[in-house]
Amino acid sequence: MTRNAVMAAAAAVLLAAFGCGTSIGEAAGPDGNGNGIHQDPQPAAAFVPVSLALRADAPFRVGTTVKLRAVGTDAKGEEKTLTSGVTFSSSDEGLATVNGKGLAEFLAPGPVSFTATLGELSAKIEERSRCEYPRFSAEIALDRTMPPLSWPAKRPDGTSFDLNLEDVRCSPEWADTQTIMMVLSAGWCGPCTNFSKWLAGVAKNPDGSGGALPAGTPAPFQQFDELGMKIVIVELQNLQGNPAGVDFAYSHIKSDTKGNVPSIAVGGGDTVPGDFFDRSTYLEFFPTIFVVRTRDMRIIADGKISGQNQSMPFARIAKDPEADWTMLGQPAFKNRCGPGDEQTASNHTAKDALAIDPGTHKGGICRDAPSFYKVGVEGKWKLELDYKADFGALDVFIWDDANGGLLEVDAQVFGSSSSTGHESFEYEGPATVIIKPYRRASSPYVLKLTEL
């Protein structure tokens, strides 16, 4: 075979291999003789959707942000998430808003729909945004979630409505209320009457002394209202010591305050569930006052625990409900650890968390500070904390490194806080863990990490 025949055969093979999109051109090779080979690039076909769908990456829940995705389908049935040219809108921005990137923020419970538009194509997704009450126990306690009680109630002007703590947590009607002062009172209780008078401005001091405030001076309840704090007086008993209803509660408060009712009034006898206060071990005296933060319905200040009760710094609490008010009136920290109980003195902040592997680890709350640990397990794991409950309570939670606080899931902190001497929970993936003393408790402890 001649040299020219060999070249022709090679060209035929190359043509067959590269097909229609390939040619033998005159591109110069290394020798500059124009014998190079090149492949013509094929332009990518544009994706042309013929239909549009709108999808959400998570359930619609109040207080969360959910990514909405506009998904186009072309004539071949292929799908693609569209990232440009799409506009989003909400049917009710009082319930939920959505920005140009499809991030929907849910503000209040109720039916809401979102629409995505691309040219003449559009798609809609409709769902009810839901508000879930945080997990709670069946008892009132400082730094715990307030149970979702409800009552028939009367506003300060005497109009009736249903007061449901689930609505306080979820309804847009309560959006401007950051805290609620709960006053557990009784008709026969003199100090309760004095406190109501002070709230209403009928007395200058919480003990009822000092006479009325000068004309034009805002009453304490009005000052608190400006700061986002509402007051609920629960009249548990009437003048005879029997369960009180809402009518007695309102008329009694109105009489005590000379008509300047400072609060929502409810009767203990109307409480739902009906036997709540009969079963409760919380109430020891009247009045008992505590403050609930509406963001998570957590009891953030407790007059019974602090011993301050009527003299708590209500205005300061209302101004800064995110501050730690659990130590009001608490005695100085007392170290109950023994020699060697505290294995390290440096893990009292998240950045100094002590890395631990699966196994058993000894430690202690031996100073007025929490302990932090770093778990590096990639899969599922279980953490158990054992301590001396007669020394006080220790809680253990997941720490949210991104936000600098306790990790919250559905507005409830993630961890264990039973006050029994044994805490445990399960989690998946690396995490920072905080052992948090309750009310300045101190105790040695044993921490057990198990890989599941």
Protein backbone atom coordinates (compact mmCIF):
# COMPACT_ATOMS: atom_id res chain seq x y z
CA MET A 1 0.00 0.00 0.00
CA THR A 2 1.35 3.41 -0.94
CA ARG A 3 1.89 6.17 1.58
CA ASN A 4 -1.08 8.12 0.09
CA ALA A 5 -3.32 5.07 0.41
CA VAL A 6 -2.38 4.69 4.07
CA MET A 7 -3.23 8.35 4.74
CA ALA A 8 -6.60 7.98 3.00
CA ALA A 9 -7.46 4.90 5.06
CA ALA A 10 -6.54 6.69 8.30
CA ALA A 11 -8.73 9.62 7.35
CA ALA A 12 -11.68 7.28 6.74
CA VAL A 13 -11.24 5.71 10.19
CA LEU A 14 -11.12 9.12 11.85
CA LEU A 15 -14.27 10.23 10.04
CA ALA A 16 -16.11 7.15 11.20
CA ALA A 17 -14.91 7.61 14.78
CA PHE A 18 -15.82 11.28 15.16
CA GLY A 19 -19.08 11.29 13.20
CA CYS A 20 -20.89 14.31 11.87
CA GLY A 21 -19.61 16.72 14.45
CA THR A 22 -16.01 16.05 13.54
CA SER A 23 -14.00 17.13 10.54
CA ILE A 24 -10.48 16.85 9.27
CA GLY A 25 -9.58 20.47 8.89
CA GLU A 26 -6.58 22.50 7.81
CA ALA A 27 -5.56 23.35 11.35
CA ALA A 28 -1.78 23.42 11.47
CA GLY A 29 -0.12 20.53 13.22
CA PRO A 30 3.22 20.65 14.99
CA ASP A 31 4.97 20.70 11.63
CA GLY A 32 2.85 23.62 10.40
CA ASN A 33 1.63 21.66 7.37
CA GLY A 34 -2.08 22.00 8.03
CA ASN A 35 -2.66 18.33 8.83
CA GLY A 36 -4.20 18.79 12.34
CA ILE A 37 -7.57 17.37 13.45
CA HIS A 38 -10.24 19.41 15.33
CA GLN A 39 -13.72 18.77 16.70
CA ASP A 40 -16.43 21.38 16.19
CA PRO A 41 -18.07 22.23 19.60
CA GLN A 42 -21.82 21.61 19.84
CA PRO A 43 -23.79 24.40 21.59
CA ALA A 44 -25.76 23.15 24.62
CA ALA A 45 -29.47 23.09 23.94
CA ALA A 46 -31.36 25.69 25.98
CA PHE A 47 -33.74 24.31 28.64
CA VAL A 48 -37.24 25.47 27.69
CA PRO A 49 -39.85 24.60 30.34
CA VAL A 50 -43.38 23.89 29.17
CA SER A 51 -44.78 23.58 32.71
CA LEU A 52 -43.91 24.82 36.19
CA ALA A 53 -44.26 23.33 39.67
CA LEU A 54 -43.60 24.92 43.08
CA ARG A 55 -42.13 22.79 45.85
CA ALA A 56 -41.21 23.40 49.49
CA ASP A 57 -38.18 21.90 51.20
CA ALA A 58 -39.78 21.74 54.68
CA PRO A 59 -43.17 21.93 56.45
CA PHE A 60 -44.80 25.33 56.94
CA ARG A 61 -44.30 26.22 60.61
CA VAL A 62 -44.54 29.59 62.30
CA GLY A 63 -41.14 31.03 63.15
CA THR A 64 -39.29 29.11 60.44
CA THR A 65 -37.88 30.00 57.01
CA VAL A 66 -38.50 27.54 54.18
CA LYS A 67 -36.89 27.43 50.73
CA LEU A 68 -39.41 27.34 47.84
CA ARG A 69 -38.17 25.88 44.54
CA ALA A 70 -39.64 26.55 41.10
CA VAL A 71 -39.18 23.35 39.08
CA GLY A 72 -39.64 23.45 35.31
CA THR A 73 -40.40 20.49 33.04
CA ASP A 74 -39.48 20.59 29.34
CA ALA A 75 -41.08 18.82 26.36
CA LYS A 76 -38.91 15.75 26.96
CA GLY A 77 -40.17 15.39 30.52
CA GLU A 78 -36.88 16.45 32.06
CA GLU A 79 -37.03 18.54 35.26
CA LYS A 80 -34.79 21.38 36.37
CA THR A 81 -34.84 23.75 39.35
CA LEU A 82 -35.01 27.26 37.92
CA THR A 83 -32.84 29.88 39.58
CA SER A 84 -33.38 32.95 37.41
CA GLY A 85 -36.31 34.77 35.91
CA VAL A 86 -38.77 33.45 38.51
CA THR A 87 -40.84 35.77 40.71
CA PHE A 88 -42.49 34.68 43.96
CA SER A 89 -45.50 36.09 45.80
CA SER A 90 -47.49 35.35 48.97
CA SER A 91 -51.27 35.39 49.28
CA ASP A 92 -51.12 36.96 52.77
CA GLU A 93 -47.98 38.74 53.94
CA GLY A 94 -49.46 38.97 57.43
CA LEU A 95 -49.07 35.20 57.65
CA ALA A 96 -45.97 34.64 55.51
CA THR A 97 -43.59 36.60 53.30
CA VAL A 98 -41.36 35.41 50.47
CA ASN A 99 -38.36 37.12 48.89
CA GLY A 100 -37.00 37.05 45.36
CA LYS A 101 -34.89 33.97 46.10
CA GLY A 102 -37.89 31.94 47.23
CA LEU A 103 -37.17 32.09 50.97
CA ALA A 104 -40.54 32.05 52.75
CA GLU A 105 -40.78 33.24 56.36
CA PHE A 106 -43.82 32.16 58.37
CA LEU A 107 -45.11 34.78 60.79
CA ALA A 108 -48.46 33.46 62.01
CA PRO A 109 -50.66 30.37 61.69
CA GLY A 110 -53.29 30.16 58.97
CA PRO A 111 -53.91 29.21 55.34
CA VAL A 112 -51.42 30.73 52.94
CA SER A 113 -50.44 30.13 49.31
CA PHE A 114 -47.34 31.03 47.32
CA THR A 115 -47.16 31.58 43.56
CA ALA A 116 -44.12 31.28 41.31
CA THR A 117 -44.26 32.95 37.87
CA LEU A 118 -41.96 32.54 34.87
CA GLY A 119 -43.21 34.36 31.79
CA GLU A 120 -46.64 32.89 31.01
CA LEU A 121 -46.06 29.90 33.28
CA SER A 122 -47.14 29.88 36.92
CA ALA A 123 -47.46 27.42 39.78
CA LYS A 124 -49.02 27.60 43.23
CA ILE A 125 -48.52 25.79 46.49
CA GLU A 126 -51.08 26.13 49.28
CA GLU A 127 -50.79 24.96 52.86
CA ARG A 128 -51.71 25.96 56.40
CA SER A 129 -48.80 27.39 58.34
CA ARG A 130 -48.85 25.78 61.74
CA CYS A 131 -47.63 26.84 65.14
CA GLU A 132 -46.51 24.11 67.48
CA TYR A 133 -46.52 24.75 71.21
CA PRO A 134 -43.16 23.86 72.76
CA ARG A 135 -42.84 20.60 74.62
CA PHE A 136 -43.81 21.05 78.26
CA SER A 137 -44.15 19.22 81.55
CA ALA A 138 -47.28 19.17 83.71
CA GLU A 139 -45.84 21.56 86.28
CA ILE A 140 -44.90 25.22 86.61
CA ALA A 141 -41.17 25.68 87.20
CA LEU A 142 -38.52 28.29 86.60
CA ASP A 143 -36.67 27.89 83.28
CA ARG A 144 -39.29 25.41 82.06
CA THR A 145 -42.07 25.74 79.48
CA MET A 146 -45.37 27.04 80.82
CA PRO A 147 -48.13 24.44 80.31
CA PRO A 148 -50.71 25.54 77.67
CA LEU A 149 -53.53 26.45 80.05
CA SER A 150 -56.69 28.29 78.99
CA TRP A 151 -59.51 30.23 80.64
CA PRO A 152 -62.58 32.31 79.86
CA ALA A 153 -61.22 35.80 80.52
CA LYS A 154 -62.03 39.49 80.70
CA ARG A 155 -59.92 42.32 79.38
CA PRO A 156 -59.34 45.46 81.49
CA ASP A 157 -62.38 47.09 79.84
CA GLY A 158 -64.59 44.17 80.87
CA THR A 159 -65.04 42.57 77.45
CA SER A 160 -64.94 38.78 77.41
CA PHE A 161 -62.64 36.55 75.36
CA ASP A 162 -60.96 33.16 75.56
CA LEU A 163 -57.40 33.31 76.88
CA ASN A 164 -55.47 30.35 75.52
CA LEU A 165 -51.72 30.22 76.03
CA GLU A 166 -51.38 28.43 72.69
CA ASP A 167 -52.79 31.61 71.11
CA VAL A 168 -50.31 33.71 73.07
CA ARG A 169 -47.53 31.65 71.51
CA CYS A 170 -48.95 31.56 67.99
CA SER A 171 -51.63 34.16 67.24
CA PRO A 172 -50.72 37.42 65.45
CA GLU A 173 -52.95 39.21 67.98
CA TRP A 174 -50.19 38.65 70.52
CA ALA A 175 -47.30 39.55 68.22
CA ASP A 176 -46.42 42.69 70.21
CA THR A 177 -46.37 40.87 73.55
CA GLN A 178 -42.90 39.65 74.51
CA THR A 179 -43.63 38.71 78.13
CA ILE A 180 -46.57 37.95 80.42
CA MET A 181 -46.58 38.61 84.14
CA MET A 182 -48.67 35.86 85.75
CA VAL A 183 -50.06 36.72 89.20
CA LEU A 184 -51.60 33.86 91.20
CA SER A 185 -53.95 35.59 93.60
CA ALA A 186 -56.90 35.08 95.97
CA GLY A 187 -59.86 37.23 96.93
CA TRP A 188 -59.13 37.02 100.66
CA CYS A 189 -55.41 37.84 100.25
CA GLY A 190 -54.44 41.32 101.53
CA PRO A 191 -50.97 41.43 99.89
CA CYS A 192 -52.64 40.44 96.60
CA THR A 193 -54.93 43.46 96.84
CA ASN A 194 -51.97 45.72 97.62
CA PHE A 195 -50.07 44.44 94.59
CA SER A 196 -53.07 45.03 92.30
CA LYS A 197 -53.33 48.58 93.65
CA TRP A 198 -49.67 49.20 92.86
CA LEU A 199 -50.04 47.84 89.32
CA ALA A 200 -52.99 50.18 88.79
CA GLY A 201 -51.23 53.23 90.25
CA VAL A 202 -53.64 53.43 93.18
CA ALA A 203 -50.68 52.85 95.52
CA LYS A 204 -47.09 54.01 95.06
CA ASN A 205 -45.54 50.84 96.43
CA PRO A 206 -46.17 47.09 95.92
CA ASP A 207 -47.08 46.73 99.59
CA GLY A 208 -49.97 49.15 99.08
CA SER A 209 -48.35 52.09 100.86
CA GLY A 210 -47.68 55.62 99.71
CA GLY A 211 -51.04 56.70 98.35
CA ALA A 212 -52.00 57.11 94.72
CA LEU A 213 -49.60 58.26 92.03
CA PRO A 214 -49.83 61.92 91.01
CA ALA A 215 -52.34 62.67 88.27
CA GLY A 216 -50.90 62.11 84.81
CA THR A 217 -48.23 59.68 86.00
CA PRO A 218 -48.38 56.39 84.06
CA ALA A 219 -49.31 53.46 86.28
CA PRO A 220 -46.87 50.54 86.40
CA PHE A 221 -49.15 48.37 84.25
CA GLN A 222 -49.16 51.07 81.57
CA GLN A 223 -45.36 51.30 81.66
CA PHE A 224 -45.08 47.52 81.36
CA ASP A 225 -47.54 47.46 78.48
CA GLU A 226 -45.36 49.92 76.57
CA LEU A 227 -42.49 47.47 77.03
CA GLY A 228 -44.46 44.54 75.63
CA MET A 229 -45.46 42.99 78.97
CA LYS A 230 -49.08 42.00 79.58
CA ILE A 231 -50.42 41.11 83.03
CA VAL A 232 -52.74 38.19 83.81
CA ILE A 233 -54.19 37.94 87.32
CA VAL A 234 -55.47 34.45 88.12
CA GLU A 235 -57.88 34.68 91.06
CA LEU A 236 -57.70 31.11 92.30
CA GLN A 237 -60.02 31.57 95.28
CA ASN A 238 -62.87 33.89 96.23
CA LEU A 239 -63.41 35.60 99.59
CA GLN A 240 -64.54 32.31 101.16
CA GLY A 241 -61.57 30.35 99.85
CA ASN A 242 -63.57 28.51 97.20
CA PRO A 243 -62.56 28.24 93.51
CA ALA A 244 -63.17 31.60 91.82
CA GLY A 245 -64.69 32.22 88.40
CA VAL A 246 -63.96 34.97 85.92
CA ASP A 247 -66.86 37.19 87.02
CA PHE A 248 -65.64 37.28 90.62
CA ALA A 249 -62.05 37.78 89.48
CA TYR A 250 -62.87 40.80 87.36
CA SER A 251 -65.24 42.48 89.82
CA HIS A 252 -62.83 41.96 92.72
CA ILE A 253 -59.86 43.41 90.83
CA LYS A 254 -61.99 46.31 89.61
CA SER A 255 -63.09 47.07 93.16
CA ASP A 256 -59.54 46.90 94.54
CA THR A 257 -58.18 49.25 91.86
CA LYS A 258 -61.04 51.79 91.89
CA GLY A 259 -62.01 50.86 88.34
CA ASN A 260 -58.51 51.16 86.85
CA VAL A 261 -58.18 47.45 86.06
CA PRO A 262 -54.50 46.74 85.28
CA SER A 263 -54.75 43.24 83.90
CA ILE A 264 -56.54 40.47 82.12
CA ALA A 265 -58.68 38.72 84.74
CA VAL A 266 -59.31 34.97 84.93
CA GLY A 267 -60.70 32.65 87.59
CA GLY A 268 -58.81 29.66 88.89
CA GLY A 269 -62.02 27.63 88.92
CA ASP A 270 -62.28 28.06 85.15
CA THR A 271 -58.78 26.74 84.39
CA VAL A 272 -58.50 24.15 81.62
CA PRO A 273 -57.46 21.46 82.41
CA GLY A 274 -59.79 21.75 85.36
CA ASP A 275 -57.71 20.10 88.05
CA PHE A 276 -54.42 21.72 87.12
CA PHE A 277 -53.94 23.86 90.24
CA ASP A 278 -55.35 21.14 92.50
CA ARG A 279 -52.62 18.79 91.29
CA SER A 280 -49.86 21.38 91.13
CA THR A 281 -47.19 21.45 93.82
CA TYR A 282 -45.94 24.84 92.66
CA LEU A 283 -48.21 27.21 94.61
CA GLU A 284 -47.15 27.81 98.22
CA PHE A 285 -48.46 31.30 99.03
CA PHE A 286 -50.40 34.27 97.62
CA PRO A 287 -49.54 36.19 95.63
CA THR A 288 -47.06 34.16 93.61
CA ILE A 289 -45.71 35.96 90.56
CA PHE A 290 -43.69 34.71 87.62
CA VAL A 291 -42.87 35.95 84.11
CA VAL A 292 -43.33 33.98 80.88
CA ARG A 293 -41.41 34.80 77.69
CA THR A 294 -43.85 34.38 74.80
CA ARG A 295 -41.21 33.49 72.19
CA ASP A 296 -40.85 30.03 73.68
CA MET A 297 -43.36 30.18 76.59
CA ARG A 298 -40.51 29.70 79.01
CA ILE A 299 -40.75 30.89 82.63
CA ILE A 300 -37.79 33.26 82.83
CA ALA A 301 -38.30 34.80 86.28
CA ASP A 302 -39.98 33.46 89.41
CA GLY A 303 -40.81 35.53 92.46
CA LYS A 304 -41.25 32.47 94.64
CA ILE A 305 -37.77 31.19 93.85
CA SER A 306 -36.06 34.57 94.04
CA GLY A 307 -37.84 35.62 97.24
CA GLN A 308 -38.45 39.01 95.63
CA ASN A 309 -41.96 38.32 94.29
CA GLN A 310 -43.74 41.73 94.24
CA SER A 311 -40.39 43.56 94.10
CA MET A 312 -38.96 41.79 91.05
CA PRO A 313 -37.44 44.21 88.48
CA PHE A 314 -40.39 43.85 86.11
CA ALA A 315 -39.44 46.75 83.83
CA ARG A 316 -35.90 45.44 83.36
CA ILE A 317 -37.22 41.96 82.62
CA ALA A 318 -39.69 43.37 80.08
CA LYS A 319 -36.93 45.35 78.36
CA ASP A 320 -34.61 42.36 78.04
CA PRO A 321 -36.49 39.04 78.16
CA GLU A 322 -33.51 37.24 76.59
CA ALA A 323 -31.28 37.95 79.60
CA ASP A 324 -30.78 35.33 82.31
CA TRP A 325 -33.18 36.21 85.14
CA THR A 326 -33.10 32.80 86.80
CA MET A 327 -30.58 33.91 89.43
CA LEU A 328 -32.68 36.69 90.94
CA GLY A 329 -32.25 36.59 94.71
CA GLN A 330 -30.16 33.42 94.61
CA PRO A 331 -27.53 32.79 97.31
CA ALA A 332 -23.86 32.72 96.49
CA PHE A 333 -22.51 29.64 94.74
CA LYS A 334 -21.38 26.83 97.09
CA ASN A 335 -18.89 24.31 95.76
CA ARG A 336 -19.99 20.75 96.58
CA CYS A 337 -17.23 18.97 94.66
CA GLY A 338 -14.50 16.90 96.23
CA PRO A 339 -10.78 16.76 95.38
CA GLY A 340 -10.26 15.63 91.81
CA ASP A 341 -13.92 15.91 90.79
CA GLU A 342 -13.18 18.63 88.25
CA GLN A 343 -10.95 17.04 85.62
CA THR A 344 -10.29 20.27 83.77
CA ALA A 345 -10.56 23.92 84.71
CA SER A 346 -10.69 25.29 81.20
CA ASN A 347 -13.90 23.99 79.58
CA HIS A 348 -16.28 26.65 80.89
CA THR A 349 -16.94 28.30 77.52
CA ALA A 350 -18.00 26.82 74.19
CA LYS A 351 -14.71 27.75 72.52
CA ASP A 352 -12.84 25.82 75.23
CA ALA A 353 -15.03 22.71 74.99
CA LEU A 354 -13.21 19.51 75.94
CA ALA A 355 -13.20 16.86 73.20
CA ILE A 356 -14.41 13.44 74.40
CA ASP A 357 -14.54 10.01 72.80
CA PRO A 358 -17.09 7.25 73.47
CA GLY A 359 -16.66 6.03 77.03
CA THR A 360 -17.04 7.30 80.59
CA HIS A 361 -15.74 10.68 81.73
CA LYS A 362 -15.69 12.21 85.23
CA GLY A 363 -16.22 15.88 85.89
CA GLY A 364 -17.99 18.34 88.10
CA ILE A 365 -19.73 21.68 88.33
CA CYS A 366 -17.24 22.94 90.87
CA ARG A 367 -17.51 26.65 90.16
CA ASP A 368 -20.32 29.00 89.14
CA ALA A 369 -20.03 28.13 85.45
CA PRO A 370 -21.20 25.43 83.02
CA SER A 371 -19.07 22.69 81.45
CA PHE A 372 -18.69 22.26 77.68
CA TYR A 373 -17.73 19.13 75.76
CA LYS A 374 -17.13 18.43 72.08
CA VAL A 375 -18.54 15.20 70.63
CA GLY A 376 -16.95 14.15 67.34
CA VAL A 377 -19.02 11.05 66.56
CA GLU A 378 -20.24 11.19 62.95
CA GLY A 379 -23.21 8.83 63.40
CA LYS A 380 -25.84 8.43 66.13
CA TRP A 381 -24.83 8.58 69.78
CA LYS A 382 -26.30 8.66 73.27
CA LEU A 383 -25.18 10.86 76.14
CA GLU A 384 -25.93 10.07 79.79
CA LEU A 385 -25.26 12.34 82.77
CA ASP A 386 -25.35 11.10 86.37
CA TYR A 387 -24.99 13.51 89.29
CA LYS A 388 -26.03 13.94 92.94
CA ALA A 389 -29.60 15.23 92.80
CA ASP A 390 -29.61 16.12 96.51
CA PHE A 391 -26.93 18.71 95.71
CA GLY A 392 -29.13 20.34 93.04
CA ALA A 393 -30.09 19.78 89.42
CA LEU A 394 -27.80 19.66 86.39
CA ASP A 395 -29.18 19.88 82.85
CA VAL A 396 -27.45 18.79 79.65
CA PHE A 397 -28.19 20.32 76.24
CA ILE A 398 -26.84 20.62 72.70
CA TRP A 399 -25.09 23.97 72.23
CA ASP A 400 -25.76 25.89 69.01
CA ASP A 401 -22.29 27.08 67.99
CA ALA A 402 -23.67 29.20 65.16
CA ASN A 403 -26.06 31.22 67.33
CA GLY A 404 -24.18 31.13 70.62
CA GLY A 405 -26.99 29.59 72.67
CA LEU A 406 -28.87 26.39 73.37
CA LEU A 407 -29.94 24.54 70.24
CA GLU A 408 -33.70 24.83 69.76
CA VAL A 409 -35.87 22.38 67.82
CA ASP A 410 -39.47 23.56 67.34
CA ALA A 411 -38.82 26.37 69.86
CA GLN A 412 -37.73 23.88 72.53
CA VAL A 413 -34.16 23.42 73.73
CA PHE A 414 -32.69 20.04 72.75
CA GLY A 415 -31.38 17.95 75.62
CA SER A 416 -32.47 16.61 79.00
CA SER A 417 -33.57 18.43 82.18
CA SER A 418 -35.53 16.08 84.44
CA SER A 419 -33.85 17.04 87.76
CA THR A 420 -33.76 13.34 88.76
CA GLY A 421 -30.01 12.79 88.99
CA HIS A 422 -29.92 11.05 85.61
CA GLU A 423 -30.22 12.84 82.27
CA SER A 424 -29.95 11.27 78.82
CA PHE A 425 -30.69 12.00 75.17
CA GLU A 426 -29.71 10.81 71.70
CA TYR A 427 -28.31 12.84 68.82
CA GLU A 428 -26.61 12.35 65.47
CA GLY A 429 -23.41 13.92 64.23
CA PRO A 430 -20.69 16.09 65.80
CA ALA A 431 -21.93 18.58 68.39
CA THR A 432 -21.00 20.77 71.34
CA VAL A 433 -22.65 19.79 74.62
CA ILE A 434 -23.24 22.01 77.66
CA ILE A 435 -23.79 20.78 81.22
CA LYS A 436 -25.75 23.61 82.79
CA PRO A 437 -26.29 23.96 86.55
CA TYR A 438 -29.86 24.79 87.55
CA ARG A 439 -30.06 27.66 90.03
CA ARG A 440 -26.34 27.59 90.86
CA ALA A 441 -26.26 23.90 91.64
CA SER A 442 -22.93 22.18 92.21
CA SER A 443 -22.19 18.47 91.95
CA PRO A 444 -19.64 15.98 90.69
CA TYR A 445 -20.91 14.04 87.69
CA VAL A 446 -20.20 11.11 85.40
CA LEU A 447 -20.69 11.60 81.67
CA LYS A 448 -21.13 8.52 79.47
CA LEU A 449 -20.95 8.77 75.67
CA THR A 450 -22.11 5.73 73.69
CA GLU A 451 -21.85 5.36 69.92
CA LEU A 452 -25.08 3.79 68.60
